[in-house]
Amino acid sequence: MRTFVLAAAVAWSLAAAAQPHSAGECREAGDFIRNAALSRDAGATREFFVGRLEDDLVTIRAFPPELRWFAHTSEDEAFLRTEVQEVFDAPAASELHRDAFLERCARRAERFAASGR
């Protein structure tokens, strides 16, 4: 019985983690990207901001995937990391970064949903 319960819990966790991001999650992450650009404009360096992101991702991994903010999987982490790095590597206005992120996040969610995962 224990094995069945454990297997069901693992399957449920994986199913919860294997969902495309909702529009709300994309908006929240878009705000995070905008804030990264505002931090950059206020003097935060790429190394500092990305370092803080990495620290946060380590903390987030302590929670089950279904309870995590945005970074449910390692692929989500890589996507968010790349987007933050873009803020520092190709500086633009904070709202432009946010809007571009929202487009990429929506397309990513659509591709993920279309793949049937």
C-alpha atoms as a PDB file:
ATOM      1  CA  MET A   1       0.000   0.000   0.000  1.00  0.00           C
ATOM      2  CA  ARG A   2       2.834   2.385   0.863  1.00  0.00           C
ATOM      3  CA  THR A   3       4.406   1.810  -2.536  1.00  0.00           C
ATOM      4  CA  PHE A   4       1.135   2.607  -4.282  1.00  0.00           C
ATOM      5  CA  VAL A   5       0.653   5.816  -2.269  1.00  0.00           C
ATOM      6  CA  LEU A   6       4.239   6.891  -2.910  1.00  0.00           C
ATOM      7  CA  ALA A   7       3.931   6.143  -6.631  1.00  0.00           C
ATOM      8  CA  ALA A   8       0.671   8.088  -6.826  1.00  0.00           C
ATOM      9  CA  ALA A   9       2.224  11.048  -5.011  1.00  0.00           C
ATOM     10  CA  VAL A  10       5.223  11.068  -7.327  1.00  0.00           C
ATOM     11  CA  ALA A  11       3.013  10.812 -10.417  1.00  0.00           C
ATOM     12  CA  TRP A  12       0.802  13.639  -9.165  1.00  0.00           C
ATOM     13  CA  SER A  13       3.857  15.816  -8.467  1.00  0.00           C
ATOM     14  CA  LEU A  14       5.281  15.178 -11.919  1.00  0.00           C
ATOM     15  CA  ALA A  15       1.947  15.890 -13.567  1.00  0.00           C
ATOM     16  CA  ALA A  16       1.617  19.135 -11.629  1.00  0.00           C
ATOM     17  CA  ALA A  17       5.122  20.166 -12.602  1.00  0.00           C
ATOM     18  CA  ALA A  18       4.652  19.251 -16.259  1.00  0.00           C
ATOM     19  CA  GLN A  19       2.111  21.965 -17.004  1.00  0.00           C
ATOM     20  CA  PRO A  20       2.663  25.007 -19.205  1.00  0.00           C
ATOM     21  CA  HIS A  21       2.852  28.285 -17.354  1.00  0.00           C
ATOM     22  CA  SER A  22      -0.431  30.078 -16.918  1.00  0.00           C
ATOM     23  CA  ALA A  23      -0.955  33.622 -18.135  1.00  0.00           C
ATOM     24  CA  GLY A  24      -0.736  34.719 -14.491  1.00  0.00           C
ATOM     25  CA  GLU A  25       2.613  33.003 -13.996  1.00  0.00           C
ATOM     26  CA  CYS A  26       3.941  34.602 -17.172  1.00  0.00           C
ATOM     27  CA  ARG A  27       2.770  38.036 -15.958  1.00  0.00           C
ATOM     28  CA  GLU A  28       4.427  37.531 -12.570  1.00  0.00           C
ATOM     29  CA  ALA A  29       7.653  36.393 -14.211  1.00  0.00           C
ATOM     30  CA  GLY A  30       7.364  39.335 -16.623  1.00  0.00           C
ATOM     31  CA  ASP A  31       7.252  41.639 -13.617  1.00  0.00           C
ATOM     32  CA  PHE A  32      10.365  39.890 -12.310  1.00  0.00           C
ATOM     33  CA  ILE A  33      12.123  40.537 -15.628  1.00  0.00           C
ATOM     34  CA  ARG A  34      11.017  44.191 -15.562  1.00  0.00           C
ATOM     35  CA  ASN A  35      12.387  44.472 -12.022  1.00  0.00           C
ATOM     36  CA  ALA A  36      15.673  42.950 -13.179  1.00  0.00           C
ATOM     37  CA  ALA A  37      15.939  45.747 -15.749  1.00  0.00           C
ATOM     38  CA  LEU A  38      15.068  48.354 -13.124  1.00  0.00           C
ATOM     39  CA  SER A  39      17.732  46.880 -10.838  1.00  0.00           C
ATOM     40  CA  ARG A  40      20.219  47.036 -13.708  1.00  0.00           C
ATOM     41  CA  ASP A  41      19.314  50.682 -14.268  1.00  0.00           C
ATOM     42  CA  ALA A  42      19.836  51.337 -10.552  1.00  0.00           C
ATOM     43  CA  GLY A  43      23.361  49.915 -10.724  1.00  0.00           C
ATOM     44  CA  ALA A  44      23.006  46.181 -10.065  1.00  0.00           C
ATOM     45  CA  THR A  45      25.577  44.205 -12.023  1.00  0.00           C
ATOM     46  CA  ARG A  46      24.837  41.113 -14.092  1.00  0.00           C
ATOM     47  CA  GLU A  47      26.970  39.012 -11.743  1.00  0.00           C
ATOM     48  CA  PHE A  48      25.139  40.270  -8.663  1.00  0.00           C
ATOM     49  CA  PHE A  49      21.630  39.794 -10.053  1.00  0.00           C
ATOM     50  CA  VAL A  50      22.292  36.407 -11.647  1.00  0.00           C
ATOM     51  CA  GLY A  51      24.015  35.305  -8.427  1.00  0.00           C
ATOM     52  CA  ARG A  52      20.931  36.237  -6.412  1.00  0.00           C
ATOM     53  CA  LEU A  53      18.744  34.400  -8.917  1.00  0.00           C
ATOM     54  CA  GLU A  54      20.883  31.275  -8.542  1.00  0.00           C
ATOM     55  CA  ASP A  55      20.596  31.526  -4.737  1.00  0.00           C
ATOM     56  CA  ASP A  56      16.818  31.874  -5.064  1.00  0.00           C
ATOM     57  CA  LEU A  57      16.604  28.881  -7.393  1.00  0.00           C
ATOM     58  CA  VAL A  58      18.469  26.753  -4.850  1.00  0.00           C
ATOM     59  CA  THR A  59      15.932  27.784  -2.225  1.00  0.00           C
ATOM     60  CA  ILE A  60      12.986  27.163  -4.565  1.00  0.00           C
ATOM     61  CA  ARG A  61      14.219  23.607  -5.258  1.00  0.00           C
ATOM     62  CA  ALA A  62      13.601  22.793  -1.582  1.00  0.00           C
ATOM     63  CA  PHE A  63       9.859  22.881  -2.326  1.00  0.00           C
ATOM     64  CA  PRO A  64       7.888  20.298  -4.306  1.00  0.00           C
ATOM     65  CA  PRO A  65       7.554  21.335  -7.976  1.00  0.00           C
ATOM     66  CA  GLU A  66       3.832  22.080  -7.672  1.00  0.00           C
ATOM     67  CA  LEU A  67       4.550  24.649  -4.929  1.00  0.00           C
ATOM     68  CA  ARG A  68       7.356  26.459  -6.726  1.00  0.00           C
ATOM     69  CA  TRP A  69       7.052  29.879  -8.304  1.00  0.00           C
ATOM     70  CA  PHE A  70       7.631  29.644 -12.061  1.00  0.00           C
ATOM     71  CA  ALA A  71      10.736  27.404 -11.869  1.00  0.00           C
ATOM     72  CA  HIS A  72       8.928  24.073 -11.650  1.00  0.00           C
ATOM     73  CA  THR A  73      11.562  22.231 -13.702  1.00  0.00           C
ATOM     74  CA  SER A  74      15.193  22.644 -14.677  1.00  0.00           C
ATOM     75  CA  GLU A  75      13.967  23.777 -18.116  1.00  0.00           C
ATOM     76  CA  ASP A  76      11.946  26.537 -16.449  1.00  0.00           C
ATOM     77  CA  GLU A  77      15.038  27.564 -14.494  1.00  0.00           C
ATOM     78  CA  ALA A  78      17.111  27.714 -17.678  1.00  0.00           C
ATOM     79  CA  PHE A  79      14.427  29.788 -19.422  1.00  0.00           C
ATOM     80  CA  LEU A  80      14.236  32.276 -16.557  1.00  0.00           C
ATOM     81  CA  ARG A  81      18.040  32.441 -16.242  1.00  0.00           C
ATOM     82  CA  THR A  82      18.426  33.151 -19.970  1.00  0.00           C
ATOM     83  CA  GLU A  83      15.799  35.875 -19.801  1.00  0.00           C
ATOM     84  CA  VAL A  84      17.522  37.565 -16.847  1.00  0.00           C
ATOM     85  CA  GLN A  85      20.885  37.389 -18.599  1.00  0.00           C
ATOM     86  CA  GLU A  86      19.312  39.012 -21.664  1.00  0.00           C
ATOM     87  CA  VAL A  87      18.320  42.001 -19.509  1.00  0.00           C
ATOM     88  CA  PHE A  88      21.988  42.631 -18.781  1.00  0.00           C
ATOM     89  CA  ASP A  89      23.460  41.513 -22.113  1.00  0.00           C
ATOM     90  CA  ALA A  90      21.098  43.554 -24.315  1.00  0.00           C
ATOM     91  CA  PRO A  91      19.930  46.513 -22.202  1.00  0.00           C
ATOM     92  CA  ALA A  92      16.587  48.056 -23.126  1.00  0.00           C
ATOM     93  CA  ALA A  93      13.774  49.791 -21.297  1.00  0.00           C
ATOM     94  CA  SER A  94      12.281  47.714 -18.499  1.00  0.00           C
ATOM     95  CA  GLU A  95       8.829  47.581 -20.132  1.00  0.00           C
ATOM     96  CA  LEU A  96      10.342  46.391 -23.421  1.00  0.00           C
ATOM     97  CA  HIS A  97      12.071  43.532 -21.601  1.00  0.00           C
ATOM     98  CA  ARG A  98       8.821  42.664 -19.843  1.00  0.00           C
ATOM     99  CA  ASP A  99       6.766  42.737 -23.048  1.00  0.00           C
ATOM    100  CA  ALA A 100       9.300  40.622 -24.960  1.00  0.00           C
ATOM    101  CA  PHE A 101       9.399  38.140 -22.103  1.00  0.00           C
ATOM    102  CA  LEU A 102       5.595  37.884 -22.055  1.00  0.00           C
ATOM    103  CA  GLU A 103       5.586  37.024 -25.768  1.00  0.00           C
ATOM    104  CA  ARG A 104       8.272  34.361 -25.345  1.00  0.00           C
ATOM    105  CA  CYS A 105       6.590  32.935 -22.249  1.00  0.00           C
ATOM    106  CA  ALA A 106       3.230  32.662 -24.031  1.00  0.00           C
ATOM    107  CA  ARG A 107       4.823  31.013 -27.098  1.00  0.00           C
ATOM    108  CA  ARG A 108       6.705  28.606 -24.826  1.00  0.00           C
ATOM    109  CA  ALA A 109       3.486  27.677 -23.004  1.00  0.00           C
ATOM    110  CA  GLU A 110       1.717  27.134 -26.346  1.00  0.00           C
ATOM    111  CA  ARG A 111       4.526  24.882 -27.627  1.00  0.00           C
ATOM    112  CA  PHE A 112       4.502  22.955 -24.380  1.00  0.00           C
ATOM    113  CA  ALA A 113       0.722  22.478 -24.510  1.00  0.00           C
ATOM    114  CA  ALA A 114       0.852  21.473 -28.186  1.00  0.00           C
ATOM    115  CA  SER A 115       3.467  18.824 -27.450  1.00  0.00           C
ATOM    116  CA  GLY A 116       0.933  17.039 -25.261  1.00  0.00           C
ATOM    117  CA  ARG A 117       3.119  17.034 -22.162  1.00  0.00           C
END
